[in-house]
């Protein structure tokens, strides 16, 4: 039998590892290393990557269209191995849940769903490489990383409640809970916009702030920017869209951020009205941080660590509202 405490510790480590994998994925994408290894699961046919001159020559002969660059291979390989470790850990948690004492069907179902999600993530990881960073697949893969981390966190919270044999809930009115519920689609749509922006390399389409190209809404190609039927085949490293299409994506994401900010201010004031000051402080802090990181990305031309932090900030916002929803109850 497996104790609740051991499974709880494993799940907490899983949350940490999931955050690391998301950060490494952002790093890989931001340094244009998504095709640092043109094959999968190996790297130029090697378990890690070619190291000797002979191995590099062999790799370049195997993939002449993608000359080996160690600075591109390292981020991709590190990301893959951490993601693989997370997958094995999740499968282990699922298997151990059958031997948990006391047995809990909810934990087994949640960890089982997470194990299935990880298998899908592995598939999309393969497709990301084989389809040469096709934006549709990259976007789904990034969203899957957010879903994996959030579900891992919820499993940890449920195990923590079981271990402590108590569930602290915070009463709120039905109208306030409804406002919290609506925050999910509001935030998720904005995350999707951010993922689409990243997948199409549109982060620097507007190099100025608060205006874009010196205008409130410059001339942009919204039809092509949100063409979700881009063809399979081209190499999408660096993006295939023209500047006007990338402008469209960036503008929508930027104004989407305004909408999310306004709605989350409403949610913060709702928490204050309900005397849930802790929730209000957490959300206000994360929201302020995310706004500051987003603006810094533009002003300082997408600094690597700021951009990675902006990715993680969106994930923290999603996890925070998931936690709030888990903890509140109707009066």
C-alpha atoms as a PDB file:
ATOM      1  CA  UNK A   1       0.000   0.000   0.000  1.00  0.00           C
ATOM      2  CA  UNK A   2       1.037   3.612  -0.621  1.00  0.00           C
ATOM      3  CA  UNK A   3       0.500   6.259   2.032  1.00  0.00           C
ATOM      4  CA  UNK A   4      -1.397   9.437   1.256  1.00  0.00           C
ATOM      5  CA  UNK A   5       1.578  11.497   2.348  1.00  0.00           C
ATOM      6  CA  UNK A   6       3.934   9.854  -0.154  1.00  0.00           C
ATOM      7  CA  UNK A   7       1.478  10.339  -2.999  1.00  0.00           C
ATOM      8  CA  UNK A   8       0.940  13.943  -1.919  1.00  0.00           C
ATOM      9  CA  UNK A   9       4.693  14.600  -1.989  1.00  0.00           C
ATOM     10  CA  UNK A  10       4.961  12.974  -5.420  1.00  0.00           C
ATOM     11  CA  UNK A  11       2.134  15.123  -6.755  1.00  0.00           C
ATOM     12  CA  UNK A  12       3.726  18.288  -5.341  1.00  0.00           C
ATOM     13  CA  UNK A  13       6.958  17.375  -7.115  1.00  0.00           C
ATOM     14  CA  UNK A  14       4.849  16.794 -10.229  1.00  0.00           C
ATOM     15  CA  UNK A  15       3.481  20.344 -10.003  1.00  0.00           C
ATOM     16  CA  UNK A  16       7.018  21.737  -9.741  1.00  0.00           C
ATOM     17  CA  UNK A  17       8.216  19.586 -12.646  1.00  0.00           C
ATOM     18  CA  UNK A  18       5.233  20.613 -14.797  1.00  0.00           C
ATOM     19  CA  UNK A  19       6.100  24.280 -14.246  1.00  0.00           C
ATOM     20  CA  UNK A  20       9.696  23.557 -15.255  1.00  0.00           C
ATOM     21  CA  UNK A  21       8.523  21.798 -18.437  1.00  0.00           C
ATOM     22  CA  UNK A  22       6.306  24.759 -19.395  1.00  0.00           C
ATOM     23  CA  UNK A  23       9.219  27.142 -18.767  1.00  0.00           C
ATOM     24  CA  UNK A  24      11.581  24.970 -20.828  1.00  0.00           C
ATOM     25  CA  UNK A  25       9.023  24.826 -23.636  1.00  0.00           C
ATOM     26  CA  UNK A  26       8.847  28.623 -23.651  1.00  0.00           C
ATOM     27  CA  UNK A  27      12.658  28.818 -23.642  1.00  0.00           C
ATOM     28  CA  UNK A  28      12.880  26.419 -26.589  1.00  0.00           C
ATOM     29  CA  UNK A  29      10.325  28.426 -28.557  1.00  0.00           C
ATOM     30  CA  UNK A  30      11.805  31.841 -27.753  1.00  0.00           C
ATOM     31  CA  UNK A  31      15.335  30.916 -28.864  1.00  0.00           C
ATOM     32  CA  UNK A  32      13.932  29.426 -32.102  1.00  0.00           C
ATOM     33  CA  UNK A  33      15.022  25.922 -31.114  1.00  0.00           C
ATOM     34  CA  UNK A  34      11.724  24.164 -31.826  1.00  0.00           C
ATOM     35  CA  UNK A  35      13.404  22.288 -34.683  1.00  0.00           C
ATOM     36  CA  UNK A  36      16.789  22.042 -32.976  1.00  0.00           C
ATOM     37  CA  UNK A  37      16.262  18.287 -33.383  1.00  0.00           C
ATOM     38  CA  UNK A  38      14.500  17.563 -36.699  1.00  0.00           C
ATOM     39  CA  UNK A  39      13.503  14.037 -35.645  1.00  0.00           C
ATOM     40  CA  UNK A  40      11.651  12.560 -32.679  1.00  0.00           C
ATOM     41  CA  UNK A  41      12.199  11.100 -30.094  1.00  0.00           C
ATOM     42  CA  UNK A  42      15.904  11.125 -30.929  1.00  0.00           C
ATOM     43  CA  UNK A  43      18.005  14.078 -32.016  1.00  0.00           C
ATOM     44  CA  UNK A  44      19.643  13.580 -35.411  1.00  0.00           C
ATOM     45  CA  UNK A  45      19.368   9.862 -34.708  1.00  0.00           C
ATOM     46  CA  UNK A  46      21.119  10.065 -31.323  1.00  0.00           C
ATOM     47  CA  UNK A  47      19.696   9.533 -27.841  1.00  0.00           C
ATOM     48  CA  UNK A  48      20.963  12.954 -26.732  1.00  0.00           C
ATOM     49  CA  UNK A  49      22.561  14.809 -29.665  1.00  0.00           C
ATOM     50  CA  UNK A  50      25.690  14.401 -31.836  1.00  0.00           C
ATOM     51  CA  UNK A  51      28.820  15.453 -29.965  1.00  0.00           C
ATOM     52  CA  UNK A  52      31.932  14.424 -31.894  1.00  0.00           C
ATOM     53  CA  UNK A  53      32.916  15.818 -35.294  1.00  0.00           C
ATOM     54  CA  UNK A  54      32.157  12.450 -36.864  1.00  0.00           C
ATOM     55  CA  UNK A  55      28.696  12.344 -35.281  1.00  0.00           C
ATOM     56  CA  UNK A  56      27.954  15.910 -36.372  1.00  0.00           C
ATOM     57  CA  UNK A  57      29.016  15.054 -39.918  1.00  0.00           C
ATOM     58  CA  UNK A  58      26.740  12.014 -39.829  1.00  0.00           C
ATOM     59  CA  UNK A  59      23.868  14.176 -38.533  1.00  0.00           C
ATOM     60  CA  UNK A  60      24.316  16.792 -41.252  1.00  0.00           C
ATOM     61  CA  UNK A  61      24.410  14.095 -43.914  1.00  0.00           C
ATOM     62  CA  UNK A  62      21.181  12.642 -42.527  1.00  0.00           C
ATOM     63  CA  UNK A  63      19.401  16.030 -42.404  1.00  0.00           C
ATOM     64  CA  UNK A  64      21.181  18.311 -44.921  1.00  0.00           C
ATOM     65  CA  UNK A  65      18.274  20.783 -44.847  1.00  0.00           C
ATOM     66  CA  UNK A  66      18.717  21.312 -41.090  1.00  0.00           C
ATOM     67  CA  UNK A  67      22.398  21.743 -40.231  1.00  0.00           C
ATOM     68  CA  UNK A  68      23.167  20.777 -36.630  1.00  0.00           C
ATOM     69  CA  UNK A  69      23.478  23.721 -34.217  1.00  0.00           C
ATOM     70  CA  UNK A  70      24.323  22.764 -30.657  1.00  0.00           C
ATOM     71  CA  UNK A  71      22.822  25.983 -29.250  1.00  0.00           C
ATOM     72  CA  UNK A  72      19.484  24.945 -30.799  1.00  0.00           C
ATOM     73  CA  UNK A  73      19.723  21.252 -29.937  1.00  0.00           C
ATOM     74  CA  UNK A  74      20.385  21.753 -26.214  1.00  0.00           C
ATOM     75  CA  UNK A  75      17.089  23.546 -25.373  1.00  0.00           C
ATOM     76  CA  UNK A  76      15.081  21.011 -27.369  1.00  0.00           C
ATOM     77  CA  UNK A  77      16.761  17.971 -25.799  1.00  0.00           C
ATOM     78  CA  UNK A  78      16.524  19.373 -22.259  1.00  0.00           C
ATOM     79  CA  UNK A  79      12.830  20.126 -22.793  1.00  0.00           C
ATOM     80  CA  UNK A  80      12.183  16.605 -24.115  1.00  0.00           C
ATOM     81  CA  UNK A  81      13.907  14.841 -21.231  1.00  0.00           C
ATOM     82  CA  UNK A  82      12.151  16.909 -18.588  1.00  0.00           C
ATOM     83  CA  UNK A  83       8.812  16.373 -20.345  1.00  0.00           C
ATOM     84  CA  UNK A  84       9.508  12.644 -20.524  1.00  0.00           C
ATOM     85  CA  UNK A  85      10.344  12.568 -16.810  1.00  0.00           C
ATOM     86  CA  UNK A  86       7.074  14.357 -16.037  1.00  0.00           C
ATOM     87  CA  UNK A  87       5.168  11.837 -18.136  1.00  0.00           C
ATOM     88  CA  UNK A  88       6.714   8.900 -16.287  1.00  0.00           C
ATOM     89  CA  UNK A  89       5.967  10.537 -12.932  1.00  0.00           C
ATOM     90  CA  UNK A  90       2.313  11.074 -13.863  1.00  0.00           C
ATOM     91  CA  UNK A  91       1.932   7.464 -15.001  1.00  0.00           C
ATOM     92  CA  UNK A  92       3.545   6.358 -11.717  1.00  0.00           C
ATOM     93  CA  UNK A  93       1.089   8.482  -9.699  1.00  0.00           C
ATOM     94  CA  UNK A  94      -1.805   6.937 -11.619  1.00  0.00           C
ATOM     95  CA  UNK A  95      -0.501   3.404 -10.983  1.00  0.00           C
ATOM     96  CA  UNK A  96       0.159   4.103  -7.300  1.00  0.00           C
ATOM     97  CA  UNK A  97      -3.335   5.554  -6.834  1.00  0.00           C
ATOM     98  CA  UNK A  98      -4.708   1.998  -7.060  1.00  0.00           C
ATOM     99  CA  UNK A  99      -2.647   1.094  -3.985  1.00  0.00           C
ATOM    100  CA  UNK A 100      -3.362   4.268  -2.042  1.00  0.00           C
ATOM    101  CA  UNK A 101      -4.508   3.839   1.528  1.00  0.00           C
ATOM    102  CA  UNK A 102      -7.295   4.753   1.918  1.00  0.00           C
ATOM    103  CA  UNK A 103      -8.347   4.234  -1.704  1.00  0.00           C
ATOM    104  CA  UNK A 104      -9.956   7.247  -3.382  1.00  0.00           C
ATOM    105  CA  UNK A 105     -11.699   6.843  -6.732  1.00  0.00           C
ATOM    106  CA  UNK A 106     -11.561  10.564  -7.523  1.00  0.00           C
ATOM    107  CA  UNK A 107      -7.756  10.617  -7.321  1.00  0.00           C
ATOM    108  CA  UNK A 108      -7.562   7.544  -9.549  1.00  0.00           C
ATOM    109  CA  UNK A 109      -9.888   9.110 -12.116  1.00  0.00           C
ATOM    110  CA  UNK A 110      -8.077  12.462 -12.098  1.00  0.00           C
ATOM    111  CA  UNK A 111      -4.619  10.915 -12.367  1.00  0.00           C
ATOM    112  CA  UNK A 112      -5.920   8.572 -15.082  1.00  0.00           C
ATOM    113  CA  UNK A 113      -7.233  11.537 -17.055  1.00  0.00           C
ATOM    114  CA  UNK A 114      -3.876  13.242 -16.565  1.00  0.00           C
ATOM    115  CA  UNK A 115      -2.027  10.156 -17.819  1.00  0.00           C
ATOM    116  CA  UNK A 116      -4.180  10.155 -20.977  1.00  0.00           C
ATOM    117  CA  UNK A 117      -3.499  13.878 -21.421  1.00  0.00           C
ATOM    118  CA  UNK A 118       0.240  13.243 -21.163  1.00  0.00           C
ATOM    119  CA  UNK A 119       0.029  10.597 -23.891  1.00  0.00           C
ATOM    120  CA  UNK A 120      -1.725  13.132 -26.114  1.00  0.00           C
ATOM    121  CA  UNK A 121       0.986  15.653 -25.229  1.00  0.00           C
ATOM    122  CA  UNK A 122       3.676  13.206 -26.320  1.00  0.00           C
ATOM    123  CA  UNK A 123       1.835  12.711 -29.614  1.00  0.00           C
ATOM    124  CA  UNK A 124       1.577  16.447 -30.183  1.00  0.00           C
ATOM    125  CA  UNK A 125       5.249  16.817 -29.261  1.00  0.00           C
ATOM    126  CA  UNK A 126       6.066  14.423 -32.096  1.00  0.00           C
ATOM    127  CA  UNK A 127       3.700  16.227 -34.488  1.00  0.00           C
ATOM    128  CA  UNK A 128       5.204  19.592 -33.546  1.00  0.00           C
ATOM    129  CA  UNK A 129       8.538  18.418 -34.941  1.00  0.00           C
ATOM    130  CA  UNK A 130       7.317  16.267 -37.831  1.00  0.00           C
ATOM    131  CA  UNK A 131       4.973  19.008 -39.124  1.00  0.00           C
ATOM    132  CA  UNK A 132       7.701  21.655 -38.756  1.00  0.00           C
ATOM    133  CA  UNK A 133       6.059  23.810 -36.075  1.00  0.00           C
ATOM    134  CA  UNK A 134       2.664  23.961 -37.790  1.00  0.00           C
ATOM    135  CA  UNK A 135       0.970  26.695 -35.693  1.00  0.00           C
ATOM    136  CA  UNK A 136      -2.232  24.743 -35.081  1.00  0.00           C
ATOM    137  CA  UNK A 137      -0.344  21.814 -33.562  1.00  0.00           C
ATOM    138  CA  UNK A 138       2.067  24.025 -31.620  1.00  0.00           C
ATOM    139  CA  UNK A 139      -0.893  25.904 -30.129  1.00  0.00           C
ATOM    140  CA  UNK A 140      -2.629  22.707 -29.025  1.00  0.00           C
ATOM    141  CA  UNK A 141       0.644  21.426 -27.546  1.00  0.00           C
ATOM    142  CA  UNK A 142       1.153  24.626 -25.538  1.00  0.00           C
ATOM    143  CA  UNK A 143      -2.426  24.588 -24.256  1.00  0.00           C
ATOM    144  CA  UNK A 144      -1.936  20.947 -23.290  1.00  0.00           C
ATOM    145  CA  UNK A 145       1.013  21.977 -21.131  1.00  0.00           C
ATOM    146  CA  UNK A 146      -1.172  24.472 -19.281  1.00  0.00           C
ATOM    147  CA  UNK A 147      -3.909  21.864 -18.816  1.00  0.00           C
ATOM    148  CA  UNK A 148      -1.394  19.287 -17.549  1.00  0.00           C
ATOM    149  CA  UNK A 149       0.035  21.643 -14.923  1.00  0.00           C
ATOM    150  CA  UNK A 150      -3.382  22.811 -13.742  1.00  0.00           C
ATOM    151  CA  UNK A 151      -4.727  19.271 -13.384  1.00  0.00           C
ATOM    152  CA  UNK A 152      -1.551  18.184 -11.589  1.00  0.00           C
ATOM    153  CA  UNK A 153      -2.042  21.061  -9.138  1.00  0.00           C
ATOM    154  CA  UNK A 154      -5.681  20.135  -8.502  1.00  0.00           C
ATOM    155  CA  UNK A 155      -4.661  16.525  -7.796  1.00  0.00           C
ATOM    156  CA  UNK A 156      -2.129  17.793  -5.258  1.00  0.00           C
ATOM    157  CA  UNK A 157      -4.769  19.957  -3.543  1.00  0.00           C
ATOM    158  CA  UNK A 158      -7.211  17.033  -3.323  1.00  0.00           C
ATOM    159  CA  UNK A 159      -4.504  14.755  -1.886  1.00  0.00           C
ATOM    160  CA  UNK A 160      -3.565  17.456   0.620  1.00  0.00           C
ATOM    161  CA  UNK A 161      -7.195  17.710   1.744  1.00  0.00           C
ATOM    162  CA  UNK A 162      -7.427  13.930   2.110  1.00  0.00           C
ATOM    163  CA  UNK A 163      -4.163  13.773   4.061  1.00  0.00           C
ATOM    164  CA  UNK A 164      -5.215  16.552   6.445  1.00  0.00           C
ATOM    165  CA  UNK A 165      -8.733  15.093   6.618  1.00  0.00           C
ATOM    166  CA  UNK A 166     -10.321  18.490   6.203  1.00  0.00           C
ATOM    167  CA  UNK A 167     -11.597  20.695   3.436  1.00  0.00           C
ATOM    168  CA  UNK A 168     -11.614  24.400   4.151  1.00  0.00           C
ATOM    169  CA  UNK A 169     -14.241  26.134   2.056  1.00  0.00           C
ATOM    170  CA  UNK A 170     -15.030  29.801   1.786  1.00  0.00           C
ATOM    171  CA  UNK A 171     -18.687  30.843   1.474  1.00  0.00           C
ATOM    172  CA  UNK A 172     -19.720  33.197  -1.307  1.00  0.00           C
ATOM    173  CA  UNK A 173     -23.042  34.210  -2.812  1.00  0.00           C
ATOM    174  CA  UNK A 174     -24.250  32.472  -5.972  1.00  0.00           C
ATOM    175  CA  UNK A 175     -23.889  35.697  -7.985  1.00  0.00           C
ATOM    176  CA  UNK A 176     -20.248  36.048  -6.879  1.00  0.00           C
ATOM    177  CA  UNK A 177     -19.531  32.419  -7.744  1.00  0.00           C
ATOM    178  CA  UNK A 178     -21.012  33.069 -11.181  1.00  0.00           C
ATOM    179  CA  UNK A 179     -18.560  35.958 -11.691  1.00  0.00           C
ATOM    180  CA  UNK A 180     -15.724  33.600 -10.712  1.00  0.00           C
ATOM    181  CA  UNK A 181     -17.008  30.925 -13.097  1.00  0.00           C
ATOM    182  CA  UNK A 182     -17.060  33.354 -16.026  1.00  0.00           C
ATOM    183  CA  UNK A 183     -13.430  34.233 -15.367  1.00  0.00           C
ATOM    184  CA  UNK A 184     -12.443  30.846 -16.835  1.00  0.00           C
ATOM    185  CA  UNK A 185     -13.593  31.467 -20.429  1.00  0.00           C
ATOM    186  CA  UNK A 186     -12.343  35.068 -20.211  1.00  0.00           C
ATOM    187  CA  UNK A 187      -8.834  33.953 -19.220  1.00  0.00           C
ATOM    188  CA  UNK A 188      -8.714  30.840 -21.407  1.00  0.00           C
ATOM    189  CA  UNK A 189      -9.618  32.822 -24.546  1.00  0.00           C
ATOM    190  CA  UNK A 190      -6.802  35.255 -23.743  1.00  0.00           C
ATOM    191  CA  UNK A 191      -4.376  32.368 -23.180  1.00  0.00           C
ATOM    192  CA  UNK A 192      -5.382  30.919 -26.564  1.00  0.00           C
ATOM    193  CA  UNK A 193      -4.701  34.318 -28.160  1.00  0.00           C
ATOM    194  CA  UNK A 194      -1.293  34.417 -26.473  1.00  0.00           C
ATOM    195  CA  UNK A 195      -0.495  30.904 -27.644  1.00  0.00           C
ATOM    196  CA  UNK A 196      -1.548  31.766 -31.212  1.00  0.00           C
ATOM    197  CA  UNK A 197       0.598  34.917 -31.060  1.00  0.00           C
ATOM    198  CA  UNK A 198       3.603  32.890 -29.915  1.00  0.00           C
ATOM    199  CA  UNK A 199       3.054  30.095 -32.456  1.00  0.00           C
ATOM    200  CA  UNK A 200       3.029  32.651 -35.280  1.00  0.00           C
ATOM    201  CA  UNK A 201       5.989  34.687 -33.968  1.00  0.00           C
ATOM    202  CA  UNK A 202       3.923  37.869 -33.624  1.00  0.00           C
ATOM    203  CA  UNK A 203       5.207  39.025 -30.224  1.00  0.00           C
ATOM    204  CA  UNK A 204       7.152  41.966 -31.665  1.00  0.00           C
ATOM    205  CA  UNK A 205       4.713  42.956 -34.411  1.00  0.00           C
ATOM    206  CA  UNK A 206       3.940  46.083 -32.354  1.00  0.00           C
ATOM    207  CA  UNK A 207       7.286  47.435 -31.101  1.00  0.00           C
ATOM    208  CA  UNK A 208       5.781  50.394 -29.236  1.00  0.00           C
ATOM    209  CA  UNK A 209       3.438  50.873 -26.277  1.00  0.00           C
ATOM    210  CA  UNK A 210       0.696  51.877 -25.580  1.00  0.00           C
ATOM    211  CA  UNK A 211       0.141  52.537 -29.298  1.00  0.00           C
ATOM    212  CA  UNK A 212       0.942  50.056 -32.069  1.00  0.00           C
ATOM    213  CA  UNK A 213       2.960  51.431 -34.973  1.00  0.00           C
ATOM    214  CA  UNK A 214       2.042  54.850 -33.596  1.00  0.00           C
ATOM    215  CA  UNK A 215      -1.685  54.155 -33.982  1.00  0.00           C
ATOM    216  CA  UNK A 216      -4.504  52.823 -31.819  1.00  0.00           C
ATOM    217  CA  UNK A 217      -5.371  50.208 -34.451  1.00  0.00           C
ATOM    218  CA  UNK A 218      -2.967  50.157 -37.423  1.00  0.00           C
ATOM    219  CA  UNK A 219      -3.812  48.580 -40.754  1.00  0.00           C
ATOM    220  CA  UNK A 220      -3.805  44.831 -40.178  1.00  0.00           C
ATOM    221  CA  UNK A 221      -4.895  41.642 -41.929  1.00  0.00           C
ATOM    222  CA  UNK A 222      -7.273  40.008 -39.457  1.00  0.00           C
ATOM    223  CA  UNK A 223      -8.453  37.412 -41.985  1.00  0.00           C
ATOM    224  CA  UNK A 224      -4.983  35.972 -42.503  1.00  0.00           C
ATOM    225  CA  UNK A 225      -3.915  36.548 -38.914  1.00  0.00           C
ATOM    226  CA  UNK A 226      -6.690  34.277 -37.706  1.00  0.00           C
ATOM    227  CA  UNK A 227      -6.574  31.785 -40.532  1.00  0.00           C
ATOM    228  CA  UNK A 228      -6.675  28.519 -38.597  1.00  0.00           C
ATOM    229  CA  UNK A 229      -6.300  26.497 -41.804  1.00  0.00           C
ATOM    230  CA  UNK A 230      -2.663  27.232 -42.581  1.00  0.00           C
ATOM    231  CA  UNK A 231      -1.355  24.456 -44.790  1.00  0.00           C
ATOM    232  CA  UNK A 232       0.825  21.552 -43.723  1.00  0.00           C
ATOM    233  CA  UNK A 233       4.220  21.391 -45.384  1.00  0.00           C
ATOM    234  CA  UNK A 234       6.102  24.691 -45.049  1.00  0.00           C
ATOM    235  CA  UNK A 235       8.751  25.201 -42.400  1.00  0.00           C
ATOM    236  CA  UNK A 236       7.034  27.420 -39.815  1.00  0.00           C
ATOM    237  CA  UNK A 237      10.173  28.223 -37.809  1.00  0.00           C
ATOM    238  CA  UNK A 238      10.068  32.020 -37.548  1.00  0.00           C
ATOM    239  CA  UNK A 239       6.512  32.080 -38.903  1.00  0.00           C
ATOM    240  CA  UNK A 240       5.035  32.291 -42.401  1.00  0.00           C
ATOM    241  CA  UNK A 241       2.549  35.153 -41.932  1.00  0.00           C
ATOM    242  CA  UNK A 242       3.229  38.615 -43.345  1.00  0.00           C
ATOM    243  CA  UNK A 243       3.590  41.648 -41.094  1.00  0.00           C
ATOM    244  CA  UNK A 244      -0.038  42.794 -41.386  1.00  0.00           C
ATOM    245  CA  UNK A 245      -1.305  39.366 -40.309  1.00  0.00           C
ATOM    246  CA  UNK A 246       1.042  39.318 -37.320  1.00  0.00           C
ATOM    247  CA  UNK A 247      -0.105  42.830 -36.438  1.00  0.00           C
ATOM    248  CA  UNK A 248      -3.688  41.566 -36.305  1.00  0.00           C
ATOM    249  CA  UNK A 249      -2.795  38.796 -33.850  1.00  0.00           C
ATOM    250  CA  UNK A 250      -0.790  41.144 -31.649  1.00  0.00           C
ATOM    251  CA  UNK A 251      -3.515  43.816 -31.573  1.00  0.00           C
ATOM    252  CA  UNK A 252      -6.235  41.335 -30.604  1.00  0.00           C
ATOM    253  CA  UNK A 253      -4.046  39.851 -27.865  1.00  0.00           C
ATOM    254  CA  UNK A 254      -3.216  43.327 -26.550  1.00  0.00           C
ATOM    255  CA  UNK A 255      -6.845  44.461 -26.409  1.00  0.00           C
ATOM    256  CA  UNK A 256      -7.790  41.062 -25.029  1.00  0.00           C
ATOM    257  CA  UNK A 257      -5.415  41.794 -22.154  1.00  0.00           C
ATOM    258  CA  UNK A 258      -7.364  44.986 -21.447  1.00  0.00           C
ATOM    259  CA  UNK A 259     -10.613  43.013 -21.337  1.00  0.00           C
ATOM    260  CA  UNK A 260      -9.121  40.405 -18.987  1.00  0.00           C
ATOM    261  CA  UNK A 261      -7.725  43.136 -16.737  1.00  0.00           C
ATOM    262  CA  UNK A 262     -11.122  44.835 -16.511  1.00  0.00           C
ATOM    263  CA  UNK A 263     -12.889  41.558 -15.738  1.00  0.00           C
ATOM    264  CA  UNK A 264     -10.326  40.508 -13.160  1.00  0.00           C
ATOM    265  CA  UNK A 265     -10.662  43.876 -11.429  1.00  0.00           C
ATOM    266  CA  UNK A 266     -14.359  43.049 -11.145  1.00  0.00           C
ATOM    267  CA  UNK A 267     -13.440  39.652  -9.692  1.00  0.00           C
ATOM    268  CA  UNK A 268     -11.007  41.241  -7.212  1.00  0.00           C
ATOM    269  CA  UNK A 269     -13.677  43.666  -6.006  1.00  0.00           C
ATOM    270  CA  UNK A 270     -16.097  40.725  -5.776  1.00  0.00           C
ATOM    271  CA  UNK A 271     -13.685  38.906  -3.465  1.00  0.00           C
ATOM    272  CA  UNK A 272     -13.304  42.057  -1.360  1.00  0.00           C
ATOM    273  CA  UNK A 273     -17.083  42.430  -1.116  1.00  0.00           C
ATOM    274  CA  UNK A 274     -17.278  38.807   0.028  1.00  0.00           C
ATOM    275  CA  UNK A 275     -14.510  39.404   2.608  1.00  0.00           C
ATOM    276  CA  UNK A 276     -12.220  36.987   0.773  1.00  0.00           C
ATOM    277  CA  UNK A 277      -9.225  39.302   1.110  1.00  0.00           C
ATOM    278  CA  UNK A 278      -6.631  36.559   0.665  1.00  0.00           C
ATOM    279  CA  UNK A 279      -8.038  35.614  -2.737  1.00  0.00           C
ATOM    280  CA  UNK A 280      -8.216  39.301  -3.709  1.00  0.00           C
ATOM    281  CA  UNK A 281      -4.560  39.885  -2.764  1.00  0.00           C
ATOM    282  CA  UNK A 282      -3.320  36.808  -4.637  1.00  0.00           C
ATOM    283  CA  UNK A 283      -5.239  37.693  -7.787  1.00  0.00           C
ATOM    284  CA  UNK A 284      -4.267  41.378  -7.666  1.00  0.00           C
ATOM    285  CA  UNK A 285      -0.586  40.495  -7.236  1.00  0.00           C
ATOM    286  CA  UNK A 286      -0.564  38.015 -10.109  1.00  0.00           C
ATOM    287  CA  UNK A 287      -2.530  40.357 -12.369  1.00  0.00           C
ATOM    288  CA  UNK A 288      -0.190  43.291 -11.705  1.00  0.00           C
ATOM    289  CA  UNK A 289       2.839  41.060 -12.330  1.00  0.00           C
ATOM    290  CA  UNK A 290       1.411  39.758 -15.607  1.00  0.00           C
ATOM    291  CA  UNK A 291       0.605  43.265 -16.858  1.00  0.00           C
ATOM    292  CA  UNK A 292       4.120  44.468 -15.979  1.00  0.00           C
ATOM    293  CA  UNK A 293       5.709  41.488 -17.745  1.00  0.00           C
ATOM    294  CA  UNK A 294       3.558  41.963 -20.848  1.00  0.00           C
ATOM    295  CA  UNK A 295       4.471  45.645 -21.142  1.00  0.00           C
ATOM    296  CA  UNK A 296       8.154  44.852 -20.495  1.00  0.00           C
ATOM    297  CA  UNK A 297       8.108  42.320 -23.330  1.00  0.00           C
ATOM    298  CA  UNK A 298       7.189  45.103 -25.745  1.00  0.00           C
ATOM    299  CA  UNK A 299       9.323  47.934 -24.363  1.00  0.00           C
ATOM    300  CA  UNK A 300      12.481  45.817 -24.036  1.00  0.00           C
ATOM    301  CA  UNK A 301      11.950  43.746 -27.227  1.00  0.00           C
ATOM    302  CA  UNK A 302      11.087  40.388 -25.707  1.00  0.00           C
ATOM    303  CA  UNK A 303      13.877  39.683 -23.176  1.00  0.00           C
ATOM    304  CA  UNK A 304      14.169  35.921 -22.781  1.00  0.00           C
ATOM    305  CA  UNK A 305      13.561  35.632 -19.034  1.00  0.00           C
ATOM    306  CA  UNK A 306      10.768  38.212 -19.065  1.00  0.00           C
ATOM    307  CA  UNK A 307       9.011  36.358 -21.881  1.00  0.00           C
ATOM    308  CA  UNK A 308       9.336  33.035 -20.044  1.00  0.00           C
ATOM    309  CA  UNK A 309       7.969  34.657 -16.882  1.00  0.00           C
ATOM    310  CA  UNK A 310       5.023  36.038 -18.892  1.00  0.00           C
ATOM    311  CA  UNK A 311       4.177  32.477 -19.975  1.00  0.00           C
ATOM    312  CA  UNK A 312       4.344  31.268 -16.388  1.00  0.00           C
ATOM    313  CA  UNK A 313       2.305  34.266 -15.222  1.00  0.00           C
ATOM    314  CA  UNK A 314      -0.598  33.221 -17.425  1.00  0.00           C
ATOM    315  CA  UNK A 315      -0.330  29.695 -16.033  1.00  0.00           C
ATOM    316  CA  UNK A 316      -0.334  31.006 -12.451  1.00  0.00           C
ATOM    317  CA  UNK A 317      -3.479  33.025 -13.147  1.00  0.00           C
ATOM    318  CA  UNK A 318      -5.210  29.910 -14.498  1.00  0.00           C
ATOM    319  CA  UNK A 319      -4.125  27.838 -11.511  1.00  0.00           C
ATOM    320  CA  UNK A 320      -5.158  30.550  -9.054  1.00  0.00           C
ATOM    321  CA  UNK A 321      -8.737  30.844 -10.309  1.00  0.00           C
ATOM    322  CA  UNK A 322      -8.942  27.030 -10.422  1.00  0.00           C
ATOM    323  CA  UNK A 323      -7.873  26.972  -6.778  1.00  0.00           C
ATOM    324  CA  UNK A 324     -10.385  29.678  -5.855  1.00  0.00           C
ATOM    325  CA  UNK A 325     -13.193  27.757  -7.532  1.00  0.00           C
ATOM    326  CA  UNK A 326     -12.223  24.575  -5.733  1.00  0.00           C
ATOM    327  CA  UNK A 327     -12.275  26.347  -2.387  1.00  0.00           C
ATOM    328  CA  UNK A 328     -15.444  28.462  -2.565  1.00  0.00           C
ATOM    329  CA  UNK A 329     -18.913  27.198  -1.754  1.00  0.00           C
ATOM    330  CA  UNK A 330     -22.386  28.679  -1.960  1.00  0.00           C
ATOM    331  CA  UNK A 331     -24.069  30.120   1.078  1.00  0.00           C
END
